C-alpha atoms as a PDB file:
ATOM      1  CA  VAL A   1     -17.065  -2.023   7.490  1.00  0.00           C
ATOM      2  CA  ALA A   2     -14.090  -0.887   9.630  1.00  0.00           C
ATOM      3  CA  SER A   3     -15.157  -2.677  12.855  1.00  0.00           C
ATOM      4  CA  SER A   4     -15.862  -6.023  10.681  1.00  0.00           C
ATOM      5  CA  LEU A   5     -12.028  -5.832   9.873  1.00  0.00           C
ATOM      6  CA  ARG A   6     -10.467  -5.960  13.160  1.00  0.00           C
ATOM      7  CA  ALA A   7      -8.847  -9.065  13.288  1.00  0.00           C
ATOM      8  CA  THR A   8      -6.450 -10.150  15.808  1.00  0.00           C
ATOM      9  CA  HIS A   9      -5.227 -13.480  14.584  1.00  0.00           C
ATOM     10  CA  VAL A  10      -2.266 -13.421  12.570  1.00  0.00           C
ATOM     11  CA  SER A  11      -1.244 -16.204  10.261  1.00  0.00           C
ATOM     12  CA  MET A  12       2.355 -17.859   9.969  1.00  0.00           C
ATOM     13  CA  ALA A  13       2.196 -16.635   6.081  1.00  0.00           C
ATOM     14  CA  GLN A  14       1.476 -13.108   7.292  1.00  0.00           C
ATOM     15  CA  VAL A  15       4.512 -13.025   9.772  1.00  0.00           C
ATOM     16  CA  LEU A  16       6.837 -14.476   6.990  1.00  0.00           C
ATOM     17  CA  LEU A  17       5.806 -11.722   4.478  1.00  0.00           C
ATOM     18  CA  ALA A  18       5.822  -9.113   7.112  1.00  0.00           C
ATOM     19  CA  ASN A  19       9.116 -10.158   8.202  1.00  0.00           C
ATOM     20  CA  LEU A  20      10.960  -9.825   4.571  1.00  0.00           C
ATOM     21  CA  PRO A  21      14.200  -8.121   4.332  1.00  0.00           C
ATOM     22  CA  VAL A  22      12.267  -4.784   2.696  1.00  0.00           C
ATOM     23  CA  LYS A  23      12.089  -1.453   4.232  1.00  0.00           C
ATOM     24  CA  GLU A  24       8.871  -0.584   2.162  1.00  0.00           C
ATOM     25  CA  ALA A  25       5.581  -2.372   1.740  1.00  0.00           C
ATOM     26  CA  VAL A  26       1.950  -1.378   0.097  1.00  0.00           C
ATOM     27  CA  THR A  27      -1.445  -2.501   0.560  1.00  0.00           C
ATOM     28  CA  THR A  28      -4.861  -2.154  -0.254  1.00  0.00           C
ATOM     29  CA  ASN A  29      -6.027  -4.054   2.704  1.00  0.00           C
ATOM     30  CA  TYR A  30      -7.587  -2.201   5.454  1.00  0.00           C
ATOM     31  CA  ASP A  31      -6.895  -4.547   8.203  1.00  0.00           C
ATOM     32  CA  GLU A  32      -3.992  -4.485  11.029  1.00  0.00           C
ATOM     33  CA  LEU A  33      -2.346  -7.922  10.167  1.00  0.00           C
ATOM     34  CA  PHE A  34       0.638  -6.787   8.841  1.00  0.00           C
ATOM     35  CA  GLU A  35       1.054  -4.378  11.277  1.00  0.00           C
ATOM     36  CA  ARG A  36       0.393  -7.003  14.257  1.00  0.00           C
ATOM     37  CA  ALA A  37       2.979  -9.560  12.037  1.00  0.00           C
ATOM     38  CA  HIS A  38       5.663  -7.245  13.179  1.00  0.00           C
ATOM     39  CA  ALA A  39       5.726  -8.767  16.754  1.00  0.00           C
ATOM     40  CA  PHE A  40       9.279  -7.546  17.623  1.00  0.00           C
ATOM     41  CA  GLN A  41       9.662  -4.620  15.399  1.00  0.00           C
ATOM     42  CA  SER A  42       7.392  -1.571  15.003  1.00  0.00           C
ATOM     43  CA  VAL A  43       6.317  -0.660  11.507  1.00  0.00           C
ATOM     44  CA  ARG A  44       4.939   3.077  10.551  1.00  0.00           C
ATOM     45  CA  VAL A  45       2.011   3.304   8.707  1.00  0.00           C
ATOM     46  CA  LEU A  46       1.791   5.895   6.083  1.00  0.00           C
ATOM     47  CA  PRO A  47      -0.719   8.291   5.477  1.00  0.00           C
ATOM     48  CA  TYR A  48      -0.892   8.209   9.353  1.00  0.00           C
ATOM     49  CA  GLY A  49       2.564   8.364  10.301  1.00  0.00           C
ATOM     50  CA  ARG A  50       5.637   9.805   9.033  1.00  0.00           C
ATOM     51  CA  ALA A  51       8.394   7.270   7.456  1.00  0.00           C
ATOM     52  CA  ARG A  52      11.989   7.608   9.258  1.00  0.00           C
ATOM     53  CA  ARG A  53      15.560   6.820   7.693  1.00  0.00           C
ATOM     54  CA  ASN A  54      15.880   3.287   8.061  1.00  0.00           C
ATOM     55  CA  GLU A  55      12.733   2.285   9.677  1.00  0.00           C
ATOM     56  CA  LYS A  56      10.189  -0.087   7.906  1.00  0.00           C
ATOM     57  CA  TRP A  57       6.812   1.537   6.504  1.00  0.00           C
ATOM     58  CA  LEU A  58       3.630   0.321   5.163  1.00  0.00           C
ATOM     59  CA  LEU A  59       1.671   2.560   2.657  1.00  0.00           C
ATOM     60  CA  LYS A  60      -1.972   1.705   3.165  1.00  0.00           C
ATOM     61  CA  MET A  61      -3.499   2.785  -0.454  1.00  0.00           C
ATOM     62  CA  HIS A  62      -7.270   2.411   0.470  1.00  0.00           C
ATOM     63  CA  GLY A  63      -7.308   3.323   3.891  1.00  0.00           C
ATOM     64  CA  CYS A  64      -6.941   1.660   7.594  1.00  0.00           C
ATOM     65  CA  VAL A  65      -9.701   0.517  10.113  1.00  0.00           C
ATOM     66  CA  ASN A  66      -8.463   2.836  12.601  1.00  0.00           C
ATOM     67  CA  HIS A  67      -9.383   5.544   9.918  1.00  0.00           C
ATOM     68  CA  PRO A  68     -12.814   4.483   8.742  1.00  0.00           C
ATOM     69  CA  GLU A  69     -13.097   7.769   6.897  1.00  0.00           C
ATOM     70  CA  ASP A  70     -10.049   7.130   4.625  1.00  0.00           C
ATOM     71  CA  ILE A  71     -11.276   3.635   3.487  1.00  0.00           C
ATOM     72  CA  VAL A  72     -11.722   3.151  -0.199  1.00  0.00           C
ATOM     73  CA  LEU A  73     -14.574   0.971  -0.934  1.00  0.00           C
ATOM     74  CA  THR A  74     -17.513   2.599  -3.341  1.00  0.00           C
ATOM     75  CA  ARG A  75     -17.691   3.413  -6.567  1.00  0.00           C
ATOM     76  CA  GLN A  76     -17.661   7.054  -6.013  1.00  0.00           C
ATOM     77  CA  ASP A  77     -14.263   6.520  -3.339  1.00  0.00           C
ATOM     78  CA  TYR A  78     -12.571   4.936  -6.290  1.00  0.00           C
ATOM     79  CA  LEU A  79     -13.543   7.730  -8.977  1.00  0.00           C
ATOM     80  CA  ARG A  80     -12.020  10.260  -6.621  1.00  0.00           C
ATOM     81  CA  PHE A  81      -8.856   8.339  -5.869  1.00  0.00           C
ATOM     82  CA  SER A  82      -6.561  10.040  -8.021  1.00  0.00           C
ATOM     83  CA  GLU A  83      -7.742  13.571  -6.725  1.00  0.00           C
ATOM     84  CA  ARG A  84      -7.794  12.661  -2.919  1.00  0.00           C
ATOM     85  CA  ARG A  85      -4.607  10.574  -3.171  1.00  0.00           C
ATOM     86  CA  ALA A  86      -2.345  11.766  -5.520  1.00  0.00           C
ATOM     87  CA  ALA A  87       0.741  11.861  -3.248  1.00  0.00           C
ATOM     88  CA  LEU A  88       0.208   8.217  -2.294  1.00  0.00           C
ATOM     89  CA  THR A  89       0.257   7.008  -5.845  1.00  0.00           C
ATOM     90  CA  GLY A  90       3.274   9.135  -6.466  1.00  0.00           C
ATOM     91  CA  ILE A  91       4.941   6.892  -3.827  1.00  0.00           C
ATOM     92  CA  VAL A  92       3.938   3.687  -5.536  1.00  0.00           C
ATOM     93  CA  GLN A  93       4.881   4.823  -8.641  1.00  0.00           C
ATOM     94  CA  THR A  94       8.439   5.536  -7.457  1.00  0.00           C
ATOM     95  CA  LEU A  95       8.675   1.895  -6.009  1.00  0.00           C
ATOM     96  CA  LEU A  96       7.484   0.672  -9.145  1.00  0.00           C
ATOM     97  CA  ILE A  97      10.380   2.147 -10.834  1.00  0.00           C
ATOM     98  CA  THR A  98      13.109   2.246  -8.546  1.00  0.00           C
ATOM     99  CA  ARG A  99      12.281  -1.279  -6.942  1.00  0.00           C
ATOM    100  CA  HIS A 100      11.538  -5.084  -7.292  1.00  0.00           C
ATOM    101  CA  MET A 101       8.087  -5.366  -6.103  1.00  0.00           C
ATOM    102  CA  LEU A 102       6.266  -8.789  -4.799  1.00  0.00           C
ATOM    103  CA  PHE A 103       2.655  -9.117  -5.431  1.00  0.00           C
ATOM    104  CA  VAL A 104       0.809 -11.117  -2.692  1.00  0.00           C
ATOM    105  CA  GLY A 105      -2.820 -11.774  -2.641  1.00  0.00           C
ATOM    106  CA  PHE A 106      -3.411  -8.822  -5.391  1.00  0.00           C
ATOM    107  CA  SER A 107      -5.359  -9.423  -8.423  1.00  0.00           C
ATOM    108  CA  LEU A 108      -3.535  -6.481 -10.225  1.00  0.00           C
ATOM    109  CA  GLN A 109      -7.306  -5.555 -11.450  1.00  0.00           C
ATOM    110  CA  ASP A 110      -7.708  -2.718  -9.415  1.00  0.00           C
ATOM    111  CA  ASP A 111      -8.549   0.107 -11.676  1.00  0.00           C
ATOM    112  CA  ASN A 112      -6.653   2.731  -9.596  1.00  0.00           C
ATOM    113  CA  PHE A 113      -3.421   0.417  -9.750  1.00  0.00           C
ATOM    114  CA  ALA A 114      -3.951  -0.060 -13.426  1.00  0.00           C
ATOM    115  CA  LYS A 115      -3.672   4.232 -13.668  1.00  0.00           C
ATOM    116  CA  VAL A 116      -0.388   3.789 -11.655  1.00  0.00           C
ATOM    117  CA  MET A 117       1.066   1.340 -13.667  1.00  0.00           C
ATOM    118  CA  ASP A 118       0.306   2.960 -16.843  1.00  0.00           C
ATOM    119  CA  ALA A 119       1.731   6.443 -15.557  1.00  0.00           C
ATOM    120  CA  VAL A 120       4.717   4.188 -14.913  1.00  0.00           C
ATOM    121  CA  ARG A 121       5.078   2.857 -18.322  1.00  0.00           C
ATOM    122  CA  LEU A 122       4.472   6.062 -19.966  1.00  0.00           C
ATOM    123  CA  ALA A 123       7.329   7.712 -18.024  1.00  0.00           C
ATOM    124  CA  SER A 124       9.737   4.578 -18.694  1.00  0.00           C
ATOM    125  CA  HIS A 125       8.868   4.434 -22.509  1.00  0.00           C
ATOM    126  CA  ASP A 126       9.535   8.414 -22.748  1.00  0.00           C
ATOM    127  CA  LYS A 127      12.725   8.121 -20.459  1.00  0.00           C
ATOM    128  CA  ARG A 128      14.215   5.309 -23.004  1.00  0.00           C
ATOM    129  CA  HIS A 129      13.033   7.244 -25.996  1.00  0.00           C
ATOM    130  CA  GLY A 130      13.759  10.936 -24.963  1.00  0.00           C
END
């Protein structure tokens, strides 16, 4: 799977998205197109690198072609997602609570994402009524 996702062509849409004036991005994609779209600016890829202050970063929720052992693909991978990637989920929950998020090419039907959203809804509801 990892080797078949090693794309080299970046579209204009990917370049435009990658260069929006935001410091944080999250993806479930395994490919490196977002990173390649940053032709003149580096981007840290989490969880494989450490984000630095005022530096752009990309969180890869379902792994990366450069780390095929981390790719979330099978039913078992999805079932074990919460226990293996709790810290990543926490980052996404924080972003959902503190930032405006733009979803592109994402159906919002991912079971893991639904759990993340549900936890954010519960936390937001508790905060308003607590």
